[in-house]
PDB file of N, CA and C in Angstrom:
ATOM      1  N   MET A   1      -7.705   7.074  11.526  1.00  0.00           N
ATOM      2  CA  MET A   1      -6.256   6.330  10.738  1.00  0.00           C
ATOM      3  C   MET A   1      -6.987   4.834  11.236  1.00  0.00           C
ATOM      4  N   SER A   2      -6.511   4.464  12.034  1.00  0.00           N
ATOM      5  CA  SER A   2      -6.823   2.611  12.782  1.00  0.00           C
ATOM      6  C   SER A   2      -7.555   1.911  12.198  1.00  0.00           C
ATOM      7  N   ASP A   3      -9.326   3.241  12.378  1.00  0.00           N
ATOM      8  CA  ASP A   3     -10.349   1.758  11.661  1.00  0.00           C
ATOM      9  C   ASP A   3      -9.231   2.212   9.884  1.00  0.00           C
ATOM     10  N   THR A   4      -9.200   2.818   9.238  1.00  0.00           N
ATOM     11  CA  THR A   4      -8.609   2.575   8.298  1.00  0.00           C
ATOM     12  C   THR A   4      -7.765   1.431   8.003  1.00  0.00           C
ATOM     13  N   LEU A   5      -6.233   1.777   8.856  1.00  0.00           N
ATOM     14  CA  LEU A   5      -6.070   0.410   8.537  1.00  0.00           C
ATOM     15  C   LEU A   5      -6.489  -0.680   8.796  1.00  0.00           C
ATOM     16  N   GLY A   6      -7.508  -0.908   9.574  1.00  0.00           N
ATOM     17  CA  GLY A   6      -8.670  -1.834   9.363  1.00  0.00           C
ATOM     18  C   GLY A   6      -8.613  -2.945   8.754  1.00  0.00           C
ATOM     19  N   LEU A   7      -9.230  -0.919   8.155  1.00  0.00           N
ATOM     20  CA  LEU A   7     -10.290  -1.109   6.482  1.00  0.00           C
ATOM     21  C   LEU A   7      -9.120  -1.766   5.701  1.00  0.00           C
ATOM     22  N   LEU A   8      -8.454  -0.992   5.760  1.00  0.00           N
ATOM     23  CA  LEU A   8      -7.518  -1.594   4.318  1.00  0.00           C
ATOM     24  C   LEU A   8      -6.454  -3.327   4.066  1.00  0.00           C
ATOM     25  N   GLU A   9      -6.350  -3.708   5.890  1.00  0.00           N
ATOM     26  CA  GLU A   9      -5.992  -5.126   6.059  1.00  0.00           C
ATOM     27  C   GLU A   9      -7.321  -5.861   5.700  1.00  0.00           C
ATOM     28  N   GLU A  10      -7.833  -5.949   5.351  1.00  0.00           N
ATOM     29  CA  GLU A  10      -9.340  -6.534   5.103  1.00  0.00           C
ATOM     30  C   GLU A  10      -9.566  -6.985   4.148  1.00  0.00           C
ATOM     31  N   ALA A  11      -9.805  -5.462   2.416  1.00  0.00           N
ATOM     32  CA  ALA A  11      -9.322  -5.240   1.487  1.00  0.00           C
ATOM     33  C   ALA A  11      -8.473  -6.157   1.580  1.00  0.00           C
ATOM     34  N   LEU A  12      -7.160  -6.365   1.392  1.00  0.00           N
ATOM     35  CA  LEU A  12      -5.812  -6.584   1.018  1.00  0.00           C
ATOM     36  C   LEU A  12      -6.474  -8.613   1.205  1.00  0.00           C
ATOM     37  N   GLN A  13      -6.760  -8.761   2.370  1.00  0.00           N
ATOM     38  CA  GLN A  13      -6.923 -10.343   2.398  1.00  0.00           C
ATOM     39  C   GLN A  13      -8.051 -10.979   1.441  1.00  0.00           C
ATOM     40  N   LEU A  14      -9.105 -10.052   1.221  1.00  0.00           N
ATOM     41  CA  LEU A  14     -10.517 -10.167   0.315  1.00  0.00           C
ATOM     42  C   LEU A  14      -9.612 -10.672  -0.909  1.00  0.00           C
ATOM     43  N   ALA A  15      -8.989  -9.111  -1.501  1.00  0.00           N
ATOM     44  CA  ALA A  15      -8.496  -9.600  -2.725  1.00  0.00           C
ATOM     45  C   ALA A  15      -7.778 -11.004  -3.256  1.00  0.00           C
ATOM     46  N   ARG A  16      -6.698 -10.892  -2.053  1.00  0.00           N
ATOM     47  CA  ARG A  16      -6.097 -12.170  -2.119  1.00  0.00           C
ATOM     48  C   ARG A  16      -6.747 -13.504  -2.267  1.00  0.00           C
ATOM     49  N   GLU A  17      -7.782 -13.408  -1.167  1.00  0.00           N
ATOM     50  CA  GLU A  17      -8.915 -14.409  -1.452  1.00  0.00           C
ATOM     51  C   GLU A  17     -10.052 -14.420  -2.835  1.00  0.00           C
ATOM     52  N   LEU A  18      -9.679 -13.635  -3.499  1.00  0.00           N
ATOM     53  CA  LEU A  18     -10.328 -13.259  -4.670  1.00  0.00           C
ATOM     54  C   LEU A  18      -9.037 -13.862  -6.422  1.00  0.00           C
ATOM     55  N   GLY A  19      -8.356 -13.490  -5.270  1.00  0.00           N
ATOM     56  CA  GLY A  19      -7.149 -14.546  -6.258  1.00  0.00           C
ATOM     57  C   GLY A  19      -6.101 -13.174  -7.016  1.00  0.00           C
ATOM     58  N   TYR A  20      -6.563 -11.872  -6.670  1.00  0.00           N
ATOM     59  CA  TYR A  20      -5.020 -10.819  -6.771  1.00  0.00           C
ATOM     60  C   TYR A  20      -3.828 -11.215  -6.772  1.00  0.00           C
ATOM     61  N   ARG A  21      -3.151 -11.254  -7.265  1.00  0.00           N
ATOM     62  CA  ARG A  21      -1.669 -10.596  -6.347  1.00  0.00           C
ATOM     63  C   ARG A  21      -1.232  -9.198  -6.443  1.00  0.00           C
ATOM     64  N   VAL A  22      -1.101  -8.812  -5.098  1.00  0.00           N
ATOM     65  CA  VAL A  22      -1.770  -7.482  -4.451  1.00  0.00           C
ATOM     66  C   VAL A  22       0.271  -7.381  -3.800  1.00  0.00           C
ATOM     67  N   ARG A  23       0.786  -6.238  -4.038  1.00  0.00           N
ATOM     68  CA  ARG A  23       1.899  -5.566  -4.273  1.00  0.00           C
ATOM     69  C   ARG A  23       1.781  -4.287  -4.059  1.00  0.00           C
ATOM     70  N   GLU A  24       2.180  -4.047  -2.758  1.00  0.00           N
ATOM     71  CA  GLU A  24       2.640  -2.539  -1.752  1.00  0.00           C
ATOM     72  C   GLU A  24       4.486  -2.269  -2.437  1.00  0.00           C
ATOM     73  N   GLU A  25       4.390  -1.629  -3.080  1.00  0.00           N
ATOM     74  CA  GLU A  25       5.888  -0.723  -3.703  1.00  0.00           C
ATOM     75  C   GLU A  25       5.359   0.836  -3.335  1.00  0.00           C
ATOM     76  N   PRO A  26       6.723   1.538  -4.011  1.00  0.00           N
ATOM     77  CA  PRO A  26       7.431   3.065  -3.964  1.00  0.00           C
ATOM     78  C   PRO A  26       6.788   2.939  -5.425  1.00  0.00           C
ATOM     79  N   LEU A  27       6.115   3.734  -5.842  1.00  0.00           N
ATOM     80  CA  LEU A  27       6.249   3.823  -7.291  1.00  0.00           C
ATOM     81  C   LEU A  27       6.130   5.619  -7.323  1.00  0.00           C
ATOM     82  N   GLY A  28       6.703   6.071  -6.954  1.00  0.00           N
ATOM     83  CA  GLY A  28       6.748   7.528  -7.069  1.00  0.00           C
ATOM     84  C   GLY A  28       5.593   8.335  -7.613  1.00  0.00           C
ATOM     85  N   ASP A  29       5.389   9.285  -8.373  1.00  0.00           N
ATOM     86  CA  ASP A  29       4.278   9.863  -8.948  1.00  0.00           C
ATOM     87  C   ASP A  29       2.807   9.115  -8.422  1.00  0.00           C
ATOM     88  N   LEU A  30       2.729   7.388  -9.178  1.00  0.00           N
ATOM     89  CA  LEU A  30       2.076   6.681  -9.861  1.00  0.00           C
ATOM     90  C   LEU A  30       1.332   6.409  -8.771  1.00  0.00           C
ATOM     91  N   THR A  31      -0.113   6.047  -9.010  1.00  0.00           N
ATOM     92  CA  THR A  31      -0.999   6.524  -7.359  1.00  0.00           C
ATOM     93  C   THR A  31      -0.755   3.896  -7.592  1.00  0.00           C
ATOM     94  N   GLY A  32      -0.769   3.805  -8.744  1.00  0.00           N
ATOM     95  CA  GLY A  32      -0.980   2.279  -8.741  1.00  0.00           C
ATOM     96  C   GLY A  32      -2.930   1.774  -9.653  1.00  0.00           C
ATOM     97  N   GLY A  33      -3.107   0.124  -9.695  1.00  0.00           N
ATOM     98  CA  GLY A  33      -4.431  -0.157  -9.938  1.00  0.00           C
ATOM     99  C   GLY A  33      -4.133  -1.880 -10.394  1.00  0.00           C
ATOM    100  N   GLY A  34      -4.955  -1.709 -10.799  1.00  0.00           N
ATOM    101  CA  GLY A  34      -5.389  -3.388 -10.973  1.00  0.00           C
ATOM    102  C   GLY A  34      -5.028  -3.269 -13.081  1.00  0.00           C
ATOM    103  N   CYS A  35      -4.109  -4.408 -12.904  1.00  0.00           N
ATOM    104  CA  CYS A  35      -4.729  -5.089 -14.218  1.00  0.00           C
ATOM    105  C   CYS A  35      -4.216  -6.272 -14.409  1.00  0.00           C
ATOM    106  N   THR A  36      -4.343  -7.412 -15.837  1.00  0.00           N
ATOM    107  CA  THR A  36      -4.379  -8.602 -15.387  1.00  0.00           C
ATOM    108  C   THR A  36      -3.048  -9.225 -16.227  1.00  0.00           C
ATOM    109  N   ILE A  37      -2.426  -9.611 -16.254  1.00  0.00           N
ATOM    110  CA  ILE A  37      -0.894 -10.464 -16.625  1.00  0.00           C
ATOM    111  C   ILE A  37      -0.950 -11.372 -17.106  1.00  0.00           C
ATOM    112  N   GLY A  38      -1.116 -11.925 -18.091  1.00  0.00           N
ATOM    113  CA  GLY A  38      -1.242 -13.803 -18.548  1.00  0.00           C
ATOM    114  C   GLY A  38      -2.124 -14.889 -17.619  1.00  0.00           C
ATOM    115  N   GLY A  39      -3.214 -13.536 -17.613  1.00  0.00           N
ATOM    116  CA  GLY A  39      -4.243 -14.292 -16.841  1.00  0.00           C
ATOM    117  C   GLY A  39      -4.874 -13.924 -14.925  1.00  0.00           C
ATOM    118  N   THR A  40      -3.482 -13.561 -14.982  1.00  0.00           N
ATOM    119  CA  THR A  40      -3.288 -13.019 -13.088  1.00  0.00           C
ATOM    120  C   THR A  40      -3.484 -11.976 -12.541  1.00  0.00           C
ATOM    121  N   LYS A  41      -4.905 -12.037 -11.818  1.00  0.00           N
ATOM    122  CA  LYS A  41      -4.940 -10.805 -11.583  1.00  0.00           C
ATOM    123  C   LYS A  41      -4.042  -9.732 -10.752  1.00  0.00           C
ATOM    124  N   HIS A  42      -3.715  -8.829 -10.816  1.00  0.00           N
ATOM    125  CA  HIS A  42      -2.849  -8.004  -9.746  1.00  0.00           C
ATOM    126  C   HIS A  42      -3.035  -6.367  -9.811  1.00  0.00           C
ATOM    127  N   VAL A  43      -2.835  -6.305  -8.850  1.00  0.00           N
ATOM    128  CA  VAL A  43      -2.709  -5.186  -7.524  1.00  0.00           C
ATOM    129  C   VAL A  43      -1.612  -4.122  -7.294  1.00  0.00           C
ATOM    130  N   LEU A  44      -1.299  -3.265  -7.958  1.00  0.00           N
ATOM    131  CA  LEU A  44      -0.196  -2.778  -7.247  1.00  0.00           C
ATOM    132  C   LEU A  44      -0.655  -1.176  -6.671  1.00  0.00           C
ATOM    133  N   LEU A  45      -0.120  -1.230  -5.936  1.00  0.00           N
ATOM    134  CA  LEU A  45      -0.487  -0.018  -4.710  1.00  0.00           C
ATOM    135  C   LEU A  45       0.688   0.584  -4.290  1.00  0.00           C
ATOM    136  N   ASN A  46       1.052   1.864  -3.840  1.00  0.00           N
ATOM    137  CA  ASN A  46       1.474   3.341  -3.974  1.00  0.00           C
ATOM    138  C   ASN A  46       2.175   3.188  -1.862  1.00  0.00           C
ATOM    139  N   ILE A  47       3.103   1.998  -1.351  1.00  0.00           N
ATOM    140  CA  ILE A  47       3.163   2.350  -0.592  1.00  0.00           C
ATOM    141  C   ILE A  47       3.531   3.943   0.296  1.00  0.00           C
ATOM    142  N   GLU A  48       4.055   4.399  -0.286  1.00  0.00           N
ATOM    143  CA  GLU A  48       4.149   6.233  -0.441  1.00  0.00           C
ATOM    144  C   GLU A  48       2.398   7.009   0.145  1.00  0.00           C
ATOM    145  N   HIS A  49       2.243   6.578  -0.595  1.00  0.00           N
ATOM    146  CA  HIS A  49       0.484   7.306   0.183  1.00  0.00           C
ATOM    147  C   HIS A  49      -0.406   6.636   1.099  1.00  0.00           C
ATOM    148  N   ALA A  50      -0.778   7.488   1.706  1.00  0.00           N
ATOM    149  CA  ALA A  50      -1.690   7.208   2.786  1.00  0.00           C
ATOM    150  C   ALA A  50      -2.399   6.290   2.776  1.00  0.00           C
ATOM    151  N   PRO A  51      -2.962   5.823   3.726  1.00  0.00           N
ATOM    152  CA  PRO A  51      -3.427   3.801   3.884  1.00  0.00           C
ATOM    153  C   PRO A  51      -4.443   4.568   3.432  1.00  0.00           C
ATOM    154  N   ALA A  52      -5.691   5.832   3.521  1.00  0.00           N
ATOM    155  CA  ALA A  52      -6.935   5.980   3.096  1.00  0.00           C
ATOM    156  C   ALA A  52      -7.010   6.145   1.648  1.00  0.00           C
ATOM    157  N   GLU A  53      -6.219   6.177   0.918  1.00  0.00           N
ATOM    158  CA  GLU A  53      -5.947   6.340  -0.594  1.00  0.00           C
ATOM    159  C   GLU A  53      -5.064   4.617  -1.130  1.00  0.00           C
ATOM    160  N   ARG A  54      -4.080   4.231  -0.678  1.00  0.00           N
ATOM    161  CA  ARG A  54      -4.534   3.128  -1.239  1.00  0.00           C
ATOM    162  C   ARG A  54      -5.376   2.260  -1.028  1.00  0.00           C
ATOM    163  N   LEU A  55      -6.223   2.236  -0.327  1.00  0.00           N
ATOM    164  CA  LEU A  55      -7.705   1.441   0.686  1.00  0.00           C
ATOM    165  C   LEU A  55      -9.102   2.038  -1.085  1.00  0.00           C
ATOM    166  N   ASP A  56      -8.515   3.426  -1.012  1.00  0.00           N
ATOM    167  CA  ASP A  56      -9.972   3.551  -2.589  1.00  0.00           C
ATOM    168  C   ASP A  56      -9.029   3.282  -3.565  1.00  0.00           C
ATOM    169  N   ARG A  57      -7.968   3.750  -3.896  1.00  0.00           N
ATOM    170  CA  ARG A  57      -7.638   2.626  -5.390  1.00  0.00           C
ATOM    171  C   ARG A  57      -8.004   0.908  -4.954  1.00  0.00           C
ATOM    172  N   LEU A  58      -7.740   0.366  -3.986  1.00  0.00           N
ATOM    173  CA  LEU A  58      -7.544  -1.220  -3.648  1.00  0.00           C
ATOM    174  C   LEU A  58      -8.672  -1.021  -4.391  1.00  0.00           C
ATOM    175  N   LEU A  59     -10.191  -1.089  -3.134  1.00  0.00           N
ATOM    176  CA  LEU A  59     -11.645  -0.921  -3.848  1.00  0.00           C
ATOM    177  C   LEU A  59     -12.163  -0.592  -5.359  1.00  0.00           C
ATOM    178  N   ALA A  60     -11.343   0.724  -6.408  1.00  0.00           N
ATOM    179  CA  ALA A  60     -11.591   0.508  -7.000  1.00  0.00           C
ATOM    180  C   ALA A  60     -10.462  -0.854  -8.111  1.00  0.00           C
ATOM    181  N   ALA A  61     -10.015  -0.697  -7.609  1.00  0.00           N
ATOM    182  CA  ALA A  61      -9.428  -2.250  -8.460  1.00  0.00           C
ATOM    183  C   ALA A  61     -10.169  -3.555  -8.611  1.00  0.00           C
ATOM    184  N   LEU A  62     -10.888  -3.792  -7.403  1.00  0.00           N
ATOM    185  CA  LEU A  62     -11.727  -4.595  -7.223  1.00  0.00           C
ATOM    186  C   LEU A  62     -12.772  -4.608  -7.355  1.00  0.00           C
ATOM    187  N   ALA A  63     -13.208  -3.177  -8.135  1.00  0.00           N
ATOM    188  CA  ALA A  63     -15.012  -3.106  -7.936  1.00  0.00           C
ATOM    189  C   ALA A  63     -15.207  -3.701  -9.229  1.00  0.00           C
TER     190      ALA A  63
END
């Protein structure tokens, strides 16, 4: 689990360095994902989900 948390933190830092605005919020049943609003790239992650699932969602948005 700690490896997953470390990878998630690294991926979050990378996303921000690439210009993404990352928000981690409780989203209920929604998983989150990436989108572009007004030319700005955003990634929403469901803070209620396990770190591994958030990491998967973040990496999918960056791909």
